Amino acid sequence: MKKVIFLLAALLASGTLQAGVIVDSLDNTDNISYTFGAASVSDNGGSGIVTLQKTSTNYVDTGMDWQLGGASGGSMDINAYTSASITPEGPVNGGYYNVNILLYDALGDYIAEQAWITDTQDTETQTVVLADLINASAYAESGVASWALRIRANLPHDVENSGFGFTEIAVNNIPEPVSLALIGIFGGGALFVRRLLM
């Protein structure tokens, strides 16, 4: 029994059974799945700050999409994550940023964008509970199955290379039922051993 408990403890410690926060420390742009408009995205040599800049002085819808695994990762299952957060570092050349949640159906077809953060220069970490945002929207009954983040840097329109830097994007994932069962077995085994030792 002690071997089973030790094995489960090792799996839990290694992260195999671990649920919770998945953090992109933005040392690279691997999770940036798409850029559009006049976007220039840089990881600044792996400094832990990804910058999004608009390289035009005209109004051009400019931004980047973020999802785990980048372009090859596909949008993220809405039932596998409870929340998302973004940590801005600061404006570049007086820039602003905003964030929307891209919503997709079960076939991966685009449904809509749901506004999360409106144009701001705020550098506080922002967090959203996905279910609260979607359920309060007009898209609650649209069969939303997956999502991604869309980050824009459109303001000010007339300043070239304006934008924003970001240091972290994180999501809270929900453990799979098998993981929950194993964690329950681990907890039950630990209690059993504790009783034996008493």
N, C-alpha and C. Protein backbone atom coordinates (compact mmCIF):
# COMPACT_ATOMS: atom_id res chain seq x y z
N MET A 1 0.83 -1.20 0.00
CA MET A 1 0.00 0.00 0.00
C MET A 1 0.87 1.26 0.00
N LYS A 2 1.98 1.18 0.75
CA LYS A 2 2.86 2.34 0.81
C LYS A 2 3.46 2.64 -0.57
N LYS A 3 3.72 1.58 -1.36
CA LYS A 3 4.27 1.78 -2.71
C LYS A 3 3.26 2.49 -3.60
N VAL A 4 1.98 2.13 -3.48
CA VAL A 4 0.94 2.77 -4.28
C VAL A 4 0.83 4.24 -3.91
N ILE A 5 0.84 4.52 -2.63
CA ILE A 5 0.75 5.90 -2.16
C ILE A 5 1.96 6.69 -2.64
N PHE A 6 3.15 6.09 -2.56
CA PHE A 6 4.36 6.77 -3.02
C PHE A 6 4.27 7.06 -4.52
N LEU A 7 3.78 6.08 -5.30
CA LEU A 7 3.63 6.27 -6.75
C LEU A 7 2.66 7.40 -7.06
N LEU A 8 1.51 7.42 -6.40
CA LEU A 8 0.54 8.49 -6.63
C LEU A 8 1.08 9.84 -6.21
N ALA A 9 1.82 9.88 -5.12
CA ALA A 9 2.43 11.13 -4.68
C ALA A 9 3.43 11.63 -5.72
N ALA A 10 4.20 10.72 -6.30
CA ALA A 10 5.17 11.09 -7.33
C ALA A 10 4.47 11.63 -8.57
N LEU A 11 3.38 10.98 -8.98
CA LEU A 11 2.63 11.47 -10.14
C LEU A 11 2.05 12.85 -9.88
N LEU A 12 1.51 13.05 -8.69
CA LEU A 12 0.93 14.33 -8.34
C LEU A 12 2.00 15.41 -8.33
N ALA A 13 3.15 15.10 -7.75
CA ALA A 13 4.24 16.07 -7.68
C ALA A 13 4.79 16.40 -9.06
N SER A 14 4.79 15.43 -9.96
CA SER A 14 5.35 15.66 -11.30
C SER A 14 4.41 16.47 -12.18
N GLY A 15 3.19 16.69 -11.75
CA GLY A 15 2.24 17.47 -12.53
C GLY A 15 1.33 16.63 -13.39
N THR A 16 1.53 15.32 -13.43
CA THR A 16 0.70 14.45 -14.26
C THR A 16 -0.77 14.55 -13.86
N LEU A 17 -1.03 14.64 -12.58
CA LEU A 17 -2.39 14.71 -12.09
C LEU A 17 -2.77 16.13 -11.67
N GLN A 18 -1.88 17.05 -11.90
CA GLN A 18 -2.06 18.38 -11.36
C GLN A 18 -3.04 19.19 -12.19
N ALA A 19 -4.03 19.74 -11.52
CA ALA A 19 -4.94 20.68 -12.15
C ALA A 19 -4.62 22.05 -11.60
N GLY A 20 -5.06 23.06 -12.26
CA GLY A 20 -4.83 24.40 -11.76
C GLY A 20 -4.39 25.32 -12.87
N VAL A 21 -3.42 26.14 -12.57
CA VAL A 21 -3.03 27.21 -13.48
C VAL A 21 -1.98 26.74 -14.48
N ILE A 22 -2.24 27.01 -15.76
CA ILE A 22 -1.25 26.81 -16.81
C ILE A 22 -0.78 28.20 -17.21
N VAL A 23 0.52 28.45 -17.05
CA VAL A 23 1.07 29.79 -17.24
C VAL A 23 1.94 29.85 -18.49
N ASP A 24 1.68 30.84 -19.32
CA ASP A 24 2.57 31.17 -20.43
C ASP A 24 3.35 32.40 -19.97
N SER A 25 4.63 32.21 -19.67
CA SER A 25 5.46 33.31 -19.15
C SER A 25 5.94 34.23 -20.26
N LEU A 26 5.50 34.00 -21.48
CA LEU A 26 5.78 34.85 -22.63
C LEU A 26 7.27 35.08 -22.85
N ASP A 27 8.05 34.01 -22.66
CA ASP A 27 9.47 34.04 -23.04
C ASP A 27 9.62 33.88 -24.54
N ASN A 28 8.54 33.48 -25.20
CA ASN A 28 8.54 33.30 -26.66
C ASN A 28 7.12 33.54 -27.17
N THR A 29 6.94 33.38 -28.46
CA THR A 29 5.62 33.62 -29.06
C THR A 29 4.96 32.31 -29.51
N ASP A 30 5.34 31.20 -28.89
CA ASP A 30 4.85 29.88 -29.31
C ASP A 30 3.32 29.75 -29.24
N ASN A 31 2.68 30.45 -28.30
CA ASN A 31 1.23 30.35 -28.15
C ASN A 31 0.47 31.44 -28.91
N ILE A 32 1.19 32.26 -29.66
CA ILE A 32 0.53 33.25 -30.54
C ILE A 32 0.16 32.50 -31.81
N SER A 33 -1.14 32.36 -32.05
CA SER A 33 -1.60 31.52 -33.15
C SER A 33 -1.81 32.30 -34.45
N TYR A 34 -1.97 33.62 -34.35
CA TYR A 34 -2.33 34.39 -35.54
C TYR A 34 -2.08 35.86 -35.26
N THR A 35 -1.56 36.58 -36.25
CA THR A 35 -1.46 38.04 -36.17
C THR A 35 -2.22 38.62 -37.36
N PHE A 36 -2.71 39.82 -37.20
CA PHE A 36 -3.50 40.43 -38.28
C PHE A 36 -3.29 41.94 -38.31
N GLY A 37 -3.72 42.53 -39.43
CA GLY A 37 -3.58 43.97 -39.60
C GLY A 37 -2.12 44.36 -39.75
N ALA A 38 -1.73 45.42 -39.07
CA ALA A 38 -0.36 45.92 -39.13
C ALA A 38 0.42 45.48 -37.89
N ALA A 39 0.20 44.25 -37.47
CA ALA A 39 0.78 43.76 -36.22
C ALA A 39 2.25 43.39 -36.38
N SER A 40 3.02 43.78 -35.39
CA SER A 40 4.39 43.32 -35.22
C SER A 40 4.48 42.75 -33.82
N VAL A 41 4.82 41.48 -33.70
CA VAL A 41 4.87 40.80 -32.40
C VAL A 41 6.30 40.34 -32.16
N SER A 42 6.82 40.64 -30.97
CA SER A 42 8.20 40.28 -30.66
C SER A 42 8.29 39.72 -29.24
N ASP A 43 9.17 38.71 -29.06
CA ASP A 43 9.41 38.20 -27.70
C ASP A 43 10.63 38.88 -27.07
N ASN A 44 11.17 39.88 -27.74
CA ASN A 44 12.27 40.67 -27.21
C ASN A 44 13.43 39.81 -26.73
N GLY A 45 13.78 38.83 -27.53
CA GLY A 45 14.93 37.98 -27.21
C GLY A 45 14.72 37.08 -26.02
N GLY A 46 13.48 36.69 -25.75
CA GLY A 46 13.20 35.79 -24.63
C GLY A 46 13.24 36.48 -23.28
N SER A 47 12.95 37.77 -23.25
CA SER A 47 13.04 38.57 -22.02
C SER A 47 11.87 38.34 -21.07
N GLY A 48 10.84 37.62 -21.51
CA GLY A 48 9.66 37.45 -20.67
C GLY A 48 8.63 38.54 -20.91
N ILE A 49 8.84 39.34 -21.95
CA ILE A 49 7.87 40.36 -22.35
C ILE A 49 7.61 40.20 -23.84
N VAL A 50 6.35 39.94 -24.19
CA VAL A 50 5.95 39.93 -25.59
C VAL A 50 5.29 41.27 -25.88
N THR A 51 5.75 41.93 -26.95
CA THR A 51 5.16 43.21 -27.32
C THR A 51 4.35 43.05 -28.61
N LEU A 52 3.21 43.72 -28.62
CA LEU A 52 2.35 43.81 -29.79
C LEU A 52 2.34 45.27 -30.20
N GLN A 53 2.80 45.55 -31.42
CA GLN A 53 2.84 46.92 -31.91
C GLN A 53 2.12 47.04 -33.24
N LYS A 54 1.56 48.24 -33.48
CA LYS A 54 0.88 48.58 -34.73
C LYS A 54 1.86 49.38 -35.58
N THR A 55 2.21 48.86 -36.75
CA THR A 55 3.26 49.48 -37.56
C THR A 55 2.72 50.47 -38.59
N SER A 56 1.51 50.96 -38.40
CA SER A 56 0.90 51.88 -39.36
C SER A 56 0.36 53.09 -38.62
N THR A 57 0.31 54.22 -39.33
CA THR A 57 -0.32 55.42 -38.75
C THR A 57 -1.78 55.54 -39.20
N ASN A 58 -2.24 54.62 -40.01
CA ASN A 58 -3.64 54.60 -40.44
C ASN A 58 -4.44 53.69 -39.51
N TYR A 59 -5.77 53.82 -39.58
CA TYR A 59 -6.59 52.90 -38.80
C TYR A 59 -6.57 51.53 -39.50
N VAL A 60 -5.93 50.59 -38.86
CA VAL A 60 -5.89 49.21 -39.35
C VAL A 60 -6.16 48.32 -38.14
N ASP A 61 -7.18 47.49 -38.23
CA ASP A 61 -7.48 46.57 -37.13
C ASP A 61 -6.27 45.66 -36.93
N THR A 62 -5.63 45.76 -35.77
CA THR A 62 -4.32 45.14 -35.53
C THR A 62 -4.33 44.35 -34.24
N GLY A 63 -3.81 43.12 -34.31
CA GLY A 63 -3.75 42.35 -33.08
C GLY A 63 -3.15 40.98 -33.27
N MET A 64 -3.32 40.17 -32.21
CA MET A 64 -2.80 38.80 -32.21
C MET A 64 -3.77 37.92 -31.44
N ASP A 65 -3.81 36.65 -31.84
CA ASP A 65 -4.62 35.66 -31.13
C ASP A 65 -3.70 34.77 -30.30
N TRP A 66 -4.17 34.40 -29.12
CA TRP A 66 -3.39 33.54 -28.21
C TRP A 66 -4.23 32.31 -27.86
N GLN A 67 -3.58 31.15 -27.93
CA GLN A 67 -4.19 29.90 -27.45
C GLN A 67 -3.07 28.91 -27.18
N LEU A 68 -3.27 28.01 -26.26
CA LEU A 68 -2.25 27.02 -25.92
C LEU A 68 -1.90 26.21 -27.16
N GLY A 69 -0.62 26.09 -27.45
CA GLY A 69 -0.17 25.34 -28.62
C GLY A 69 -0.06 26.17 -29.87
N GLY A 70 -0.43 27.46 -29.79
CA GLY A 70 -0.32 28.32 -30.95
C GLY A 70 -1.20 27.88 -32.10
N ALA A 71 -0.74 28.10 -33.32
CA ALA A 71 -1.53 27.81 -34.52
C ALA A 71 -1.89 26.33 -34.63
N SER A 72 -1.03 25.45 -34.13
CA SER A 72 -1.30 24.02 -34.23
C SER A 72 -2.13 23.50 -33.06
N GLY A 73 -2.35 24.34 -32.06
CA GLY A 73 -3.05 23.89 -30.86
C GLY A 73 -4.55 23.85 -31.00
N GLY A 74 -5.11 24.60 -31.94
CA GLY A 74 -6.56 24.67 -32.06
C GLY A 74 -7.15 25.47 -30.91
N SER A 75 -8.40 25.90 -31.06
CA SER A 75 -9.03 26.65 -29.98
C SER A 75 -9.20 25.73 -28.77
N MET A 76 -9.37 26.34 -27.60
CA MET A 76 -9.38 25.59 -26.35
C MET A 76 -10.80 25.22 -25.92
N ASP A 77 -10.99 23.98 -25.49
CA ASP A 77 -12.29 23.46 -25.07
C ASP A 77 -12.84 24.31 -23.93
N ILE A 78 -14.05 24.83 -24.11
CA ILE A 78 -14.65 25.71 -23.12
C ILE A 78 -14.91 24.98 -21.80
N ASN A 79 -15.09 23.66 -21.86
CA ASN A 79 -15.37 22.89 -20.65
C ASN A 79 -14.10 22.48 -19.89
N ALA A 80 -12.95 22.76 -20.46
CA ALA A 80 -11.70 22.37 -19.82
C ALA A 80 -11.04 23.50 -19.04
N TYR A 81 -11.59 24.70 -19.13
CA TYR A 81 -10.98 25.87 -18.48
C TYR A 81 -12.04 26.69 -17.78
N THR A 82 -11.67 27.21 -16.60
CA THR A 82 -12.63 28.03 -15.85
C THR A 82 -12.38 29.51 -16.03
N SER A 83 -11.11 29.91 -16.17
CA SER A 83 -10.82 31.33 -16.24
C SER A 83 -9.53 31.58 -17.01
N ALA A 84 -9.33 32.86 -17.33
CA ALA A 84 -8.11 33.28 -18.00
C ALA A 84 -7.66 34.60 -17.38
N SER A 85 -6.35 34.84 -17.42
CA SER A 85 -5.84 36.12 -16.94
C SER A 85 -4.71 36.59 -17.84
N ILE A 86 -4.53 37.90 -17.87
CA ILE A 86 -3.46 38.50 -18.66
C ILE A 86 -2.78 39.57 -17.81
N THR A 87 -1.44 39.60 -17.87
CA THR A 87 -0.67 40.57 -17.10
C THR A 87 0.05 41.50 -18.08
N PRO A 88 -0.43 42.74 -18.21
CA PRO A 88 0.23 43.70 -19.09
C PRO A 88 1.48 44.26 -18.42
N GLU A 89 2.48 44.59 -19.24
CA GLU A 89 3.72 45.17 -18.71
C GLU A 89 3.70 46.68 -18.82
N GLY A 90 3.19 47.20 -19.93
CA GLY A 90 3.10 48.64 -20.08
C GLY A 90 2.98 49.05 -21.53
N PRO A 91 2.61 50.33 -21.74
CA PRO A 91 2.42 50.81 -23.10
C PRO A 91 3.74 51.03 -23.83
N VAL A 92 3.68 50.90 -25.15
CA VAL A 92 4.80 51.22 -26.03
C VAL A 92 4.35 52.40 -26.88
N ASN A 93 5.09 53.49 -26.82
CA ASN A 93 4.75 54.71 -27.58
C ASN A 93 3.31 55.15 -27.35
N GLY A 94 2.88 55.10 -26.08
CA GLY A 94 1.55 55.59 -25.71
C GLY A 94 0.40 54.69 -26.11
N GLY A 95 0.68 53.43 -26.40
CA GLY A 95 -0.35 52.52 -26.90
C GLY A 95 -1.35 52.07 -25.86
N TYR A 96 -2.45 51.54 -26.34
CA TYR A 96 -3.51 50.94 -25.54
C TYR A 96 -3.70 49.51 -26.02
N TYR A 97 -4.37 48.70 -25.21
CA TYR A 97 -4.71 47.34 -25.65
C TYR A 97 -6.15 47.04 -25.26
N ASN A 98 -6.74 46.06 -25.93
CA ASN A 98 -8.03 45.51 -25.50
C ASN A 98 -8.01 44.01 -25.77
N VAL A 99 -8.90 43.29 -25.09
CA VAL A 99 -8.93 41.83 -25.22
C VAL A 99 -10.38 41.37 -25.40
N ASN A 100 -10.57 40.51 -26.38
CA ASN A 100 -11.85 39.84 -26.60
C ASN A 100 -11.64 38.34 -26.50
N ILE A 101 -12.72 37.61 -26.24
CA ILE A 101 -12.70 36.16 -26.26
C ILE A 101 -13.33 35.72 -27.58
N LEU A 102 -12.57 34.96 -28.38
CA LEU A 102 -13.11 34.40 -29.62
C LEU A 102 -13.89 33.14 -29.27
N LEU A 103 -15.08 33.01 -29.79
CA LEU A 103 -15.95 31.88 -29.48
C LEU A 103 -16.15 31.02 -30.73
N TYR A 104 -16.07 29.70 -30.57
CA TYR A 104 -16.22 28.75 -31.68
C TYR A 104 -17.23 27.68 -31.30
N ASP A 105 -17.87 27.09 -32.32
CA ASP A 105 -18.80 26.00 -32.06
C ASP A 105 -18.06 24.65 -32.06
N ALA A 106 -18.80 23.56 -31.93
CA ALA A 106 -18.20 22.23 -31.82
C ALA A 106 -17.42 21.82 -33.07
N LEU A 107 -17.74 22.40 -34.21
CA LEU A 107 -17.02 22.10 -35.45
C LEU A 107 -15.79 22.99 -35.63
N GLY A 108 -15.59 23.92 -34.69
CA GLY A 108 -14.47 24.85 -34.80
C GLY A 108 -14.78 26.07 -35.62
N ASP A 109 -16.05 26.23 -35.98
CA ASP A 109 -16.46 27.40 -36.76
C ASP A 109 -16.63 28.61 -35.84
N TYR A 110 -16.19 29.75 -36.31
CA TYR A 110 -16.27 31.00 -35.56
C TYR A 110 -17.72 31.38 -35.30
N ILE A 111 -18.03 31.76 -34.05
CA ILE A 111 -19.36 32.27 -33.71
C ILE A 111 -19.31 33.79 -33.58
N ALA A 112 -18.41 34.28 -32.70
CA ALA A 112 -18.37 35.72 -32.42
C ALA A 112 -17.17 36.04 -31.54
N GLU A 113 -16.99 37.34 -31.31
CA GLU A 113 -16.04 37.83 -30.31
C GLU A 113 -16.83 38.43 -29.18
N GLN A 114 -16.47 38.08 -27.95
CA GLN A 114 -17.11 38.65 -26.78
C GLN A 114 -16.10 39.58 -26.10
N ALA A 115 -16.47 40.85 -25.93
CA ALA A 115 -15.56 41.82 -25.30
C ALA A 115 -15.26 41.42 -23.86
N TRP A 116 -13.99 41.54 -23.49
CA TRP A 116 -13.57 41.30 -22.11
C TRP A 116 -12.97 42.58 -21.55
N ILE A 117 -11.87 43.07 -22.12
CA ILE A 117 -11.20 44.27 -21.63
C ILE A 117 -11.29 45.33 -22.73
N THR A 118 -11.87 46.49 -22.40
CA THR A 118 -11.94 47.57 -23.37
C THR A 118 -10.62 48.33 -23.39
N ASP A 119 -10.41 49.20 -24.40
CA ASP A 119 -9.15 49.92 -24.57
C ASP A 119 -8.67 50.53 -23.27
N THR A 120 -7.44 50.18 -22.89
CA THR A 120 -6.89 50.62 -21.61
C THR A 120 -5.37 50.66 -21.65
N GLN A 121 -4.80 51.38 -20.70
CA GLN A 121 -3.36 51.35 -20.46
C GLN A 121 -3.06 50.77 -19.08
N ASP A 122 -4.06 50.19 -18.44
CA ASP A 122 -3.93 49.60 -17.11
C ASP A 122 -2.92 48.46 -17.14
N THR A 123 -2.06 48.40 -16.14
CA THR A 123 -1.04 47.35 -16.07
C THR A 123 -1.33 46.32 -14.97
N GLU A 124 -2.50 46.39 -14.38
CA GLU A 124 -2.89 45.38 -13.38
C GLU A 124 -3.28 44.09 -14.09
N THR A 125 -3.01 42.95 -13.45
CA THR A 125 -3.45 41.67 -13.99
C THR A 125 -4.97 41.65 -14.06
N GLN A 126 -5.49 41.23 -15.19
CA GLN A 126 -6.94 41.16 -15.41
C GLN A 126 -7.33 39.68 -15.50
N THR A 127 -8.43 39.31 -14.84
CA THR A 127 -8.89 37.92 -14.83
C THR A 127 -10.36 37.87 -15.21
N VAL A 128 -10.74 36.86 -15.98
CA VAL A 128 -12.15 36.67 -16.35
C VAL A 128 -12.55 35.24 -16.06
N VAL A 129 -13.74 35.06 -15.52
CA VAL A 129 -14.35 33.74 -15.38
C VAL A 129 -15.13 33.51 -16.68
N LEU A 130 -14.69 32.54 -17.45
CA LEU A 130 -15.23 32.35 -18.80
C LEU A 130 -16.73 32.13 -18.81
N ALA A 131 -17.23 31.29 -17.93
CA ALA A 131 -18.67 31.00 -17.91
C ALA A 131 -19.47 32.27 -17.63
N ASP A 132 -18.99 33.10 -16.70
CA ASP A 132 -19.70 34.35 -16.38
C ASP A 132 -19.77 35.26 -17.59
N LEU A 133 -18.64 35.38 -18.29
CA LEU A 133 -18.59 36.27 -19.47
C LEU A 133 -19.51 35.76 -20.57
N ILE A 134 -19.46 34.47 -20.85
CA ILE A 134 -20.25 33.91 -21.96
C ILE A 134 -21.74 33.86 -21.60
N ASN A 135 -22.05 33.44 -20.37
CA ASN A 135 -23.46 33.33 -19.98
C ASN A 135 -24.17 34.67 -19.94
N ALA A 136 -23.41 35.76 -19.72
CA ALA A 136 -24.00 37.09 -19.68
C ALA A 136 -24.09 37.70 -21.07
N SER A 137 -23.62 37.01 -22.08
CA SER A 137 -23.58 37.55 -23.44
C SER A 137 -24.76 37.06 -24.26
N ALA A 138 -24.85 37.61 -25.46
CA ALA A 138 -25.90 37.18 -26.40
C ALA A 138 -25.59 35.82 -26.99
N TYR A 139 -24.41 35.27 -26.69
CA TYR A 139 -23.98 34.02 -27.31
C TYR A 139 -24.13 32.81 -26.40
N ALA A 140 -24.78 33.00 -25.25
CA ALA A 140 -24.91 31.92 -24.26
C ALA A 140 -25.59 30.68 -24.84
N GLU A 141 -26.51 30.88 -25.77
CA GLU A 141 -27.26 29.76 -26.35
C GLU A 141 -26.75 29.38 -27.74
N SER A 142 -25.54 29.80 -28.08
CA SER A 142 -25.03 29.60 -29.45
C SER A 142 -24.20 28.34 -29.61
N GLY A 143 -24.17 27.48 -28.62
CA GLY A 143 -23.39 26.25 -28.73
C GLY A 143 -21.89 26.48 -28.68
N VAL A 144 -21.46 27.39 -27.80
CA VAL A 144 -20.03 27.68 -27.67
C VAL A 144 -19.33 26.42 -27.15
N ALA A 145 -18.30 25.98 -27.88
CA ALA A 145 -17.57 24.77 -27.50
C ALA A 145 -16.10 25.05 -27.21
N SER A 146 -15.55 26.11 -27.81
CA SER A 146 -14.13 26.41 -27.59
C SER A 146 -13.88 27.90 -27.71
N TRP A 147 -12.68 28.30 -27.35
CA TRP A 147 -12.37 29.73 -27.27
C TRP A 147 -10.88 29.98 -27.48
N ALA A 148 -10.55 31.24 -27.68
CA ALA A 148 -9.17 31.73 -27.74
C ALA A 148 -9.20 33.19 -27.35
N LEU A 149 -8.03 33.77 -27.08
CA LEU A 149 -7.94 35.20 -26.76
C LEU A 149 -7.56 35.99 -28.01
N ARG A 150 -8.17 37.15 -28.19
CA ARG A 150 -7.76 38.08 -29.23
C ARG A 150 -7.36 39.39 -28.56
N ILE A 151 -6.10 39.77 -28.75
CA ILE A 151 -5.54 40.97 -28.12
C ILE A 151 -5.28 41.98 -29.24
N ARG A 152 -5.81 43.18 -29.07
CA ARG A 152 -5.64 44.23 -30.08
C ARG A 152 -4.84 45.40 -29.51
N ALA A 153 -4.17 46.11 -30.43
CA ALA A 153 -3.45 47.34 -30.10
C ALA A 153 -3.75 48.35 -31.20
N ASN A 154 -4.94 48.95 -31.16
CA ASN A 154 -5.37 49.86 -32.23
C ASN A 154 -5.17 51.34 -31.91
N LEU A 155 -5.07 51.70 -30.65
CA LEU A 155 -4.99 53.11 -30.28
C LEU A 155 -3.59 53.46 -29.78
N PRO A 156 -3.13 54.71 -30.00
CA PRO A 156 -3.74 55.73 -30.86
C PRO A 156 -3.54 55.41 -32.33
N HIS A 157 -4.51 55.76 -33.16
CA HIS A 157 -4.48 55.41 -34.58
C HIS A 157 -3.31 56.05 -35.33
N ASP A 158 -2.93 57.26 -34.93
CA ASP A 158 -1.97 58.03 -35.72
C ASP A 158 -0.53 57.89 -35.25
N VAL A 159 -0.25 56.98 -34.33
CA VAL A 159 1.12 56.81 -33.82
C VAL A 159 1.69 55.48 -34.29
N GLU A 160 2.71 55.56 -35.12
CA GLU A 160 3.35 54.35 -35.63
C GLU A 160 4.10 53.64 -34.51
N ASN A 161 4.05 52.32 -34.51
CA ASN A 161 4.72 51.46 -33.53
C ASN A 161 4.20 51.64 -32.11
N SER A 162 2.97 52.12 -31.97
CA SER A 162 2.35 52.13 -30.64
C SER A 162 1.87 50.72 -30.35
N GLY A 163 1.77 50.40 -29.09
CA GLY A 163 1.32 49.06 -28.73
C GLY A 163 1.41 48.82 -27.24
N PHE A 164 1.60 47.55 -26.87
CA PHE A 164 1.63 47.20 -25.45
C PHE A 164 2.49 45.96 -25.25
N GLY A 165 3.08 45.87 -24.08
CA GLY A 165 3.84 44.69 -23.70
C GLY A 165 3.08 43.86 -22.68
N PHE A 166 3.32 42.55 -22.69
CA PHE A 166 2.64 41.62 -21.78
C PHE A 166 3.66 40.65 -21.20
N THR A 167 3.51 40.31 -19.92
CA THR A 167 4.48 39.43 -19.26
C THR A 167 3.93 38.04 -18.96
N GLU A 168 2.59 37.89 -18.98
CA GLU A 168 2.04 36.57 -18.64
C GLU A 168 0.60 36.45 -19.10
N ILE A 169 0.28 35.27 -19.60
CA ILE A 169 -1.11 34.88 -19.86
C ILE A 169 -1.29 33.53 -19.18
N ALA A 170 -2.36 33.38 -18.42
CA ALA A 170 -2.58 32.13 -17.68
C ALA A 170 -4.02 31.68 -17.83
N VAL A 171 -4.23 30.38 -17.77
CA VAL A 171 -5.57 29.81 -17.78
C VAL A 171 -5.68 28.80 -16.64
N ASN A 172 -6.86 28.71 -16.06
CA ASN A 172 -7.14 27.70 -15.05
C ASN A 172 -7.81 26.52 -15.73
N ASN A 173 -7.18 25.35 -15.63
CA ASN A 173 -7.79 24.18 -16.26
C ASN A 173 -8.54 23.34 -15.24
N ILE A 174 -9.44 22.53 -15.72
CA ILE A 174 -10.26 21.65 -14.89
C ILE A 174 -9.69 20.24 -15.03
N PRO A 175 -9.43 19.54 -13.92
CA PRO A 175 -8.87 18.20 -14.04
C PRO A 175 -9.84 17.23 -14.70
N GLU A 176 -9.28 16.27 -15.44
CA GLU A 176 -10.11 15.22 -16.04
C GLU A 176 -10.65 14.31 -14.95
N PRO A 177 -11.78 13.65 -15.18
CA PRO A 177 -12.37 12.75 -14.16
C PRO A 177 -11.39 11.68 -13.67
N VAL A 178 -10.55 11.14 -14.56
CA VAL A 178 -9.58 10.12 -14.15
C VAL A 178 -8.60 10.71 -13.16
N SER A 179 -8.15 11.96 -13.43
CA SER A 179 -7.22 12.61 -12.52
C SER A 179 -7.87 12.83 -11.16
N LEU A 180 -9.14 13.26 -11.17
CA LEU A 180 -9.84 13.46 -9.91
C LEU A 180 -9.95 12.15 -9.14
N ALA A 181 -10.23 11.06 -9.84
CA ALA A 181 -10.35 9.75 -9.18
C ALA A 181 -9.02 9.35 -8.55
N LEU A 182 -7.92 9.54 -9.28
CA LEU A 182 -6.61 9.18 -8.73
C LEU A 182 -6.23 10.06 -7.54
N ILE A 183 -6.58 11.33 -7.61
CA ILE A 183 -6.32 12.21 -6.47
C ILE A 183 -7.13 11.73 -5.27
N GLY A 184 -8.39 11.30 -5.52
CA GLY A 184 -9.23 10.77 -4.44
C GLY A 184 -8.64 9.51 -3.84
N ILE A 185 -8.13 8.62 -4.69
CA ILE A 185 -7.48 7.39 -4.21
C ILE A 185 -6.25 7.74 -3.38
N PHE A 186 -5.47 8.70 -3.87
CA PHE A 186 -4.27 9.13 -3.14
C PHE A 186 -4.64 9.64 -1.75
N GLY A 187 -5.68 10.50 -1.73
CA GLY A 187 -6.11 11.06 -0.44
C GLY A 187 -6.62 9.98 0.50
N GLY A 188 -7.42 9.04 -0.05
CA GLY A 188 -7.93 7.94 0.77
C GLY A 188 -6.81 7.05 1.28
N GLY A 189 -5.84 6.76 0.42
CA GLY A 189 -4.69 5.95 0.82
C GLY A 189 -3.88 6.62 1.91
N ALA A 190 -3.70 7.91 1.78
CA ALA A 190 -2.93 8.66 2.80
C ALA A 190 -3.64 8.59 4.15
N LEU A 191 -4.96 8.73 4.15
CA LEU A 191 -5.72 8.63 5.39
C LEU A 191 -5.62 7.22 5.98
N PHE A 192 -5.68 6.19 5.11
CA PHE A 192 -5.58 4.81 5.57
C PHE A 192 -4.22 4.57 6.24
N VAL A 193 -3.15 5.02 5.62
CA VAL A 193 -1.82 4.84 6.19
C VAL A 193 -1.68 5.59 7.50
N ARG A 194 -2.27 6.78 7.55
CA ARG A 194 -2.21 7.57 8.77
C ARG A 194 -2.90 6.81 9.92
N ARG A 195 -4.01 6.17 9.63
CA ARG A 195 -4.73 5.38 10.66
C ARG A 195 -3.90 4.20 11.11
N LEU A 196 -3.22 3.54 10.15
CA LEU A 196 -2.39 2.40 10.50
C LEU A 196 -1.24 2.80 11.41
N LEU A 197 -0.70 3.96 11.17
CA LEU A 197 0.46 4.42 11.94
C LEU A 197 0.08 4.96 13.31
N MET A 198 -1.21 5.23 13.53
CA MET A 198 -1.64 5.78 14.82
C MET A 198 -1.78 4.72 15.86
